[in-house]
Amino acid sequence: MADKKHKLLEVKGLTMDFGGLRAVDSVSLEIHEGEIAALIGPNGAGKTTFFNCVTGIYNPTKGDVLLHPKGLKTRRLNGLKPNKVTEMGLARTFQNIRLFQEMTVLENVMIGRHCRTKSGIFRSIIRDKSVREEERQIVETSYRLLEKVGLEDFANEFSKNLPYGAQRRLEIARAMATDPFLLLLDEPAAGMNPQETDELVHLIRKISSEDKIAILLIEHDMKLVMNISDPIYVMEYGKKIAEGTPQQIKDNPKVIEAYLGDDDDA
């Protein structure tokens, strides 16, 4: 089924060395439109390093990161700065929340729109009609995103005052403000209670179905992963050791040995 869908992200033989340490070892994967994919593995498996290579924080030692936007030519992301990667349509959240704590919830989302604005410095200074119109659209779009993640009532609250789970959702709204077609979520459920996790699952499904955004997530919550993912990729010690459907991953002896443990843990 997946091979009939348009391939959005293609990672081939990705390798990342830090001195003598090989953190990611020749990992390949593909993300197609409409997919919610998961990248799992024990702590230290290289998952976040993989994300950092894909999103321009690191320039990989070897391999290719290729973006295939629908209707546009393929772009190689290796060596591009993170803001350029974002402009290409790939957005991410981080394991450690990176909100602007002293800004309001709405302002945090508005900052995400920055890469889609057209006003230059001069026009921003003179604040002509087109600049004012663009600012109005930014506020409207940002507020709609807050409605989508259920935070519209907190629009004027400082982000630091939000509960933990709400801060996670705000980070997702800010990433979506960049108009991505592919969203990378780094441990979005980390630190959440069961109710917050259920809300997150609902939100991820909504983003996938309503906004037609493909999603790749790193996550340790196996119940969430098995519940929501289509393809699952498994890493251990920097290598990809398995890929498949949730059931195939659950039944894979390599995965059970490396990560999942017995059925009670899965």
Protein backbone atom coordinates (compact mmCIF):
# COMPACT_ATOMS: atom_id res chain seq x y z
CA MET A 1 0.00 0.00 0.00
CA ALA A 2 2.70 2.49 1.06
CA ASP A 3 4.62 2.09 -2.21
CA LYS A 4 1.66 3.60 -4.13
CA LYS A 5 1.84 6.76 -2.06
CA HIS A 6 4.15 9.63 -2.86
CA LYS A 7 7.52 9.34 -1.13
CA LEU A 8 8.20 12.55 0.85
CA LEU A 9 11.43 11.78 2.71
CA GLU A 10 14.15 9.39 1.61
CA VAL A 11 17.14 8.76 3.86
CA LYS A 12 19.86 6.57 2.34
CA GLY A 13 22.82 5.13 4.23
CA LEU A 14 22.85 7.91 6.84
CA THR A 15 26.00 7.79 8.96
CA MET A 16 27.10 10.21 11.71
CA ASP A 17 30.49 10.03 13.40
CA PHE A 18 31.62 12.05 16.40
CA GLY A 19 35.36 11.52 16.50
CA GLY A 20 35.78 7.77 16.94
CA LEU A 21 32.13 7.20 17.90
CA ARG A 22 29.66 6.14 15.22
CA ALA A 23 26.30 7.39 16.53
CA VAL A 24 24.29 6.50 13.40
CA ASP A 25 25.46 3.65 11.19
CA SER A 26 24.18 3.52 7.60
CA VAL A 27 20.46 3.96 8.39
CA SER A 28 17.94 4.13 5.54
CA LEU A 29 14.20 4.81 5.71
CA GLU A 30 11.36 6.36 3.73
CA ILE A 31 8.32 8.36 4.79
CA HIS A 32 5.31 8.51 2.46
CA GLU A 33 2.38 10.90 2.36
CA GLY A 34 -0.40 10.04 4.79
CA GLU A 35 1.88 8.03 7.06
CA ILE A 36 2.38 8.21 10.79
CA ALA A 37 5.73 6.48 11.23
CA ALA A 38 7.68 5.76 14.42
CA LEU A 39 11.39 5.45 15.12
CA ILE A 40 11.99 3.46 18.29
CA GLY A 41 14.91 1.95 20.17
CA PRO A 42 16.65 2.00 23.56
CA ASN A 43 18.21 5.17 24.98
CA GLY A 44 21.45 5.90 23.16
CA ALA A 45 20.35 4.08 20.00
CA GLY A 46 20.98 7.20 17.88
CA LYS A 47 17.38 8.27 17.24
CA THR A 48 17.72 11.97 18.14
CA THR A 49 21.08 12.14 16.31
CA PHE A 50 19.23 10.79 13.26
CA PHE A 51 16.61 13.57 13.63
CA ASN A 52 19.38 16.15 14.00
CA CYS A 53 20.99 14.98 10.74
CA VAL A 54 17.68 15.11 8.88
CA THR A 55 16.78 18.60 10.15
CA GLY A 56 20.11 20.32 9.53
CA ILE A 57 21.48 20.51 13.07
CA TYR A 58 24.24 18.06 12.08
CA ASN A 59 25.76 17.54 8.65
CA PRO A 60 25.96 13.74 8.32
CA THR A 61 29.34 12.09 7.75
CA LYS A 62 27.92 9.94 4.93
CA GLY A 63 24.63 9.23 3.20
CA ASP A 64 21.83 11.27 1.66
CA VAL A 65 18.80 13.04 3.09
CA LEU A 66 16.42 13.70 0.19
CA LEU A 67 13.14 15.58 0.31
CA HIS A 68 10.60 14.94 -2.45
CA PRO A 69 7.99 17.72 -2.21
CA LYS A 70 4.90 16.89 -4.28
CA GLY A 71 5.08 18.59 -7.67
CA LEU A 72 8.56 20.03 -7.01
CA LYS A 73 12.05 18.79 -7.72
CA THR A 74 13.91 16.64 -5.19
CA ARG A 75 16.11 18.54 -2.74
CA ARG A 76 19.17 17.19 -0.92
CA LEU A 77 19.10 18.46 2.65
CA ASN A 78 22.66 17.54 3.67
CA GLY A 79 24.55 20.63 4.83
CA LEU A 80 21.54 22.96 4.77
CA LYS A 81 20.94 25.17 7.82
CA PRO A 82 17.92 24.23 10.02
CA ASN A 83 15.94 27.32 8.94
CA LYS A 84 16.40 26.33 5.27
CA VAL A 85 15.24 22.78 6.02
CA THR A 86 12.14 24.27 7.69
CA GLU A 87 11.48 26.44 4.64
CA MET A 88 11.53 23.26 2.52
CA GLY A 89 8.52 21.94 4.46
CA LEU A 90 10.04 19.85 7.22
CA ALA A 91 9.36 20.92 10.83
CA ARG A 92 10.25 19.34 14.16
CA THR A 93 9.78 19.49 17.90
CA PHE A 94 12.45 18.70 20.48
CA GLN A 95 12.84 16.22 23.32
CA ASN A 96 13.40 19.15 25.69
CA ILE A 97 10.68 21.76 25.29
CA ARG A 98 12.07 24.89 23.60
CA LEU A 99 9.35 27.48 24.00
CA PHE A 100 9.90 31.21 24.51
CA GLN A 101 8.88 31.19 28.17
CA GLU A 102 8.40 34.97 28.56
CA MET A 103 6.22 35.24 25.45
CA THR A 104 2.52 34.54 25.23
CA VAL A 105 1.14 31.33 23.82
CA LEU A 106 -0.05 33.19 20.70
CA GLU A 107 3.31 34.93 20.20
CA ASN A 108 5.10 31.56 20.32
CA VAL A 109 3.01 30.32 17.40
CA MET A 110 3.40 33.62 15.51
CA ILE A 111 7.19 33.18 15.62
CA GLY A 112 6.70 29.89 13.79
CA ARG A 113 5.09 31.82 10.91
CA HIS A 114 8.24 33.93 10.47
CA CYS A 115 9.72 31.74 7.72
CA ARG A 116 6.56 32.22 5.62
CA THR A 117 6.46 36.04 5.80
CA LYS A 118 7.31 38.20 2.80
CA SER A 119 7.85 41.65 4.35
CA GLY A 120 11.40 42.93 4.19
CA ILE A 121 13.01 45.08 6.90
CA PHE A 122 12.26 48.37 5.11
CA ARG A 123 8.57 47.62 4.63
CA SER A 124 8.34 46.43 8.23
CA ILE A 125 9.73 49.78 9.42
CA ILE A 126 7.33 51.91 7.36
CA ARG A 127 4.48 49.44 8.10
CA ASP A 128 2.64 49.91 4.83
CA LYS A 129 -0.76 48.35 4.08
CA SER A 130 0.63 45.01 2.89
CA VAL A 131 2.68 44.61 6.09
CA ARG A 132 -0.35 45.29 8.27
CA GLU A 133 -2.39 42.79 6.25
CA GLU A 134 0.32 40.18 6.57
CA GLU A 135 0.46 40.73 10.35
CA ARG A 136 -3.31 40.29 10.58
CA GLN A 137 -3.07 37.00 8.65
CA ILE A 138 -0.26 35.77 10.91
CA VAL A 139 -2.39 36.42 14.01
CA GLU A 140 -5.42 34.70 12.45
CA THR A 141 -3.46 31.66 11.29
CA SER A 142 -1.72 31.34 14.65
CA TYR A 143 -5.01 31.55 16.55
CA ARG A 144 -6.55 28.85 14.31
CA LEU A 145 -3.61 26.58 15.16
CA LEU A 146 -4.20 27.20 18.87
CA GLU A 147 -7.82 26.13 18.33
CA LYS A 148 -6.60 22.97 16.62
CA VAL A 149 -4.41 21.98 19.59
CA GLY A 150 -7.02 23.09 22.15
CA LEU A 151 -5.11 26.08 23.54
CA GLU A 152 -7.15 29.03 22.26
CA ASP A 153 -8.28 29.92 25.81
CA PHE A 154 -4.62 30.39 26.79
CA ALA A 155 -3.67 32.64 23.84
CA ASN A 156 -2.60 35.58 26.03
CA GLU A 157 -1.07 33.51 28.84
CA PHE A 158 2.72 33.30 29.17
CA SER A 159 3.86 29.94 27.81
CA LYS A 160 5.80 29.19 31.01
CA ASN A 161 2.49 29.10 32.93
CA LEU A 162 0.99 26.30 30.84
CA PRO A 163 0.76 22.76 32.22
CA TYR A 164 3.43 20.42 30.86
CA GLY A 165 1.18 18.58 28.39
CA ALA A 166 -0.16 21.89 27.06
CA GLN A 167 3.42 23.12 26.50
CA ARG A 168 4.03 20.03 24.38
CA ARG A 169 0.93 20.78 22.30
CA LEU A 170 2.02 24.41 21.93
CA GLU A 171 5.36 23.25 20.55
CA ILE A 172 3.50 21.17 17.96
CA ALA A 173 1.34 24.20 17.03
CA ARG A 174 4.46 26.32 16.57
CA ALA A 175 6.02 23.67 14.31
CA MET A 176 2.80 23.51 12.27
CA ALA A 177 2.88 27.29 11.86
CA THR A 178 5.78 26.81 9.42
CA ASP A 179 3.37 25.03 6.99
CA PRO A 180 5.19 21.68 6.90
CA PHE A 181 4.20 18.67 4.84
CA LEU A 182 6.33 16.48 7.14
CA LEU A 183 6.46 16.83 10.93
CA LEU A 184 9.15 15.20 13.11
CA LEU A 185 8.18 14.79 16.78
CA ASP A 186 10.97 13.93 19.24
CA GLU A 187 9.40 12.09 22.21
CA PRO A 188 6.17 14.11 22.22
CA ALA A 189 4.63 12.03 25.04
CA ALA A 190 7.65 12.23 27.38
CA GLY A 191 6.59 13.21 30.89
CA MET A 192 2.88 13.17 30.09
CA ASN A 193 0.20 11.59 32.26
CA PRO A 194 -2.23 9.07 30.66
CA GLN A 195 -4.91 11.68 29.93
CA GLU A 196 -2.37 14.03 28.29
CA THR A 197 -1.06 11.10 26.23
CA ASP A 198 -4.58 10.25 25.03
CA GLU A 199 -5.08 13.90 24.01
CA LEU A 200 -1.76 13.79 22.15
CA VAL A 201 -2.75 10.64 20.23
CA HIS A 202 -6.01 12.33 19.22
CA LEU A 203 -4.10 15.45 18.11
CA ILE A 204 -1.53 13.52 16.04
CA ARG A 205 -4.30 11.62 14.26
CA LYS A 206 -6.16 14.89 13.62
CA ILE A 207 -3.04 16.55 12.14
CA SER A 208 -2.48 13.53 9.91
CA SER A 209 -6.07 13.25 8.64
CA GLU A 210 -7.19 16.91 8.52
CA ASP A 211 -3.96 18.69 7.59
CA LYS A 212 -2.52 15.89 5.43
CA ILE A 213 0.83 16.19 7.20
CA ALA A 214 3.02 13.08 7.33
CA ILE A 215 4.52 12.41 10.77
CA LEU A 216 7.67 10.68 11.98
CA LEU A 217 7.94 10.37 15.75
CA ILE A 218 10.52 9.13 18.21
CA GLU A 219 8.74 7.68 21.21
CA HIS A 220 9.34 5.38 24.19
CA ASP A 221 5.64 4.87 24.99
CA MET A 222 5.10 1.52 23.28
CA LYS A 223 1.35 1.57 23.73
CA LEU A 224 1.20 4.89 21.85
CA VAL A 225 3.58 3.67 19.12
CA MET A 226 1.68 0.42 18.49
CA ASN A 227 -1.62 2.27 18.56
CA ILE A 228 -0.82 5.05 16.12
CA SER A 229 2.02 4.06 13.77
CA ASP A 230 1.86 2.58 10.32
CA PRO A 231 5.51 1.70 9.63
CA ILE A 232 7.82 1.35 12.63
CA TYR A 233 11.61 1.54 12.36
CA VAL A 234 13.79 0.15 15.14
CA MET A 235 17.35 1.28 15.96
CA GLU A 236 19.93 -0.21 18.29
CA TYR A 237 23.53 0.98 18.71
CA GLY A 238 23.16 3.35 15.75
CA LYS A 239 21.94 0.66 13.32
CA LYS A 240 18.47 -0.02 11.97
CA ILE A 241 17.66 -3.57 13.09
CA ALA A 242 14.04 -3.87 11.93
CA GLU A 243 11.14 -2.22 10.12
CA GLY A 244 7.54 -3.21 9.62
CA THR A 245 3.96 -2.94 10.84
CA PRO A 246 3.23 -2.83 14.58
CA GLN A 247 2.42 -6.56 14.56
CA GLN A 248 5.60 -7.45 12.65
CA ILE A 249 7.68 -5.40 15.09
CA LYS A 250 5.96 -6.98 18.10
CA ASP A 251 6.76 -10.44 16.73
CA ASN A 252 10.34 -9.69 15.63
CA PRO A 253 12.84 -11.64 17.79
CA LYS A 254 15.59 -9.04 17.28
CA VAL A 255 13.32 -6.28 18.53
CA ILE A 256 12.08 -8.30 21.49
CA GLU A 257 15.67 -8.96 22.51
CA ALA A 258 16.87 -5.39 21.97
CA TYR A 259 14.00 -3.37 23.26
CA LEU A 260 10.47 -4.57 23.79
CA GLY A 261 11.00 -7.31 26.35
CA ASP A 262 8.07 -9.66 26.87
CA ASP A 263 4.44 -8.89 26.00
CA ASP A 264 3.81 -7.23 29.37
CA ASP A 265 6.34 -4.54 28.50
CA ALA A 266 5.06 -4.03 24.98
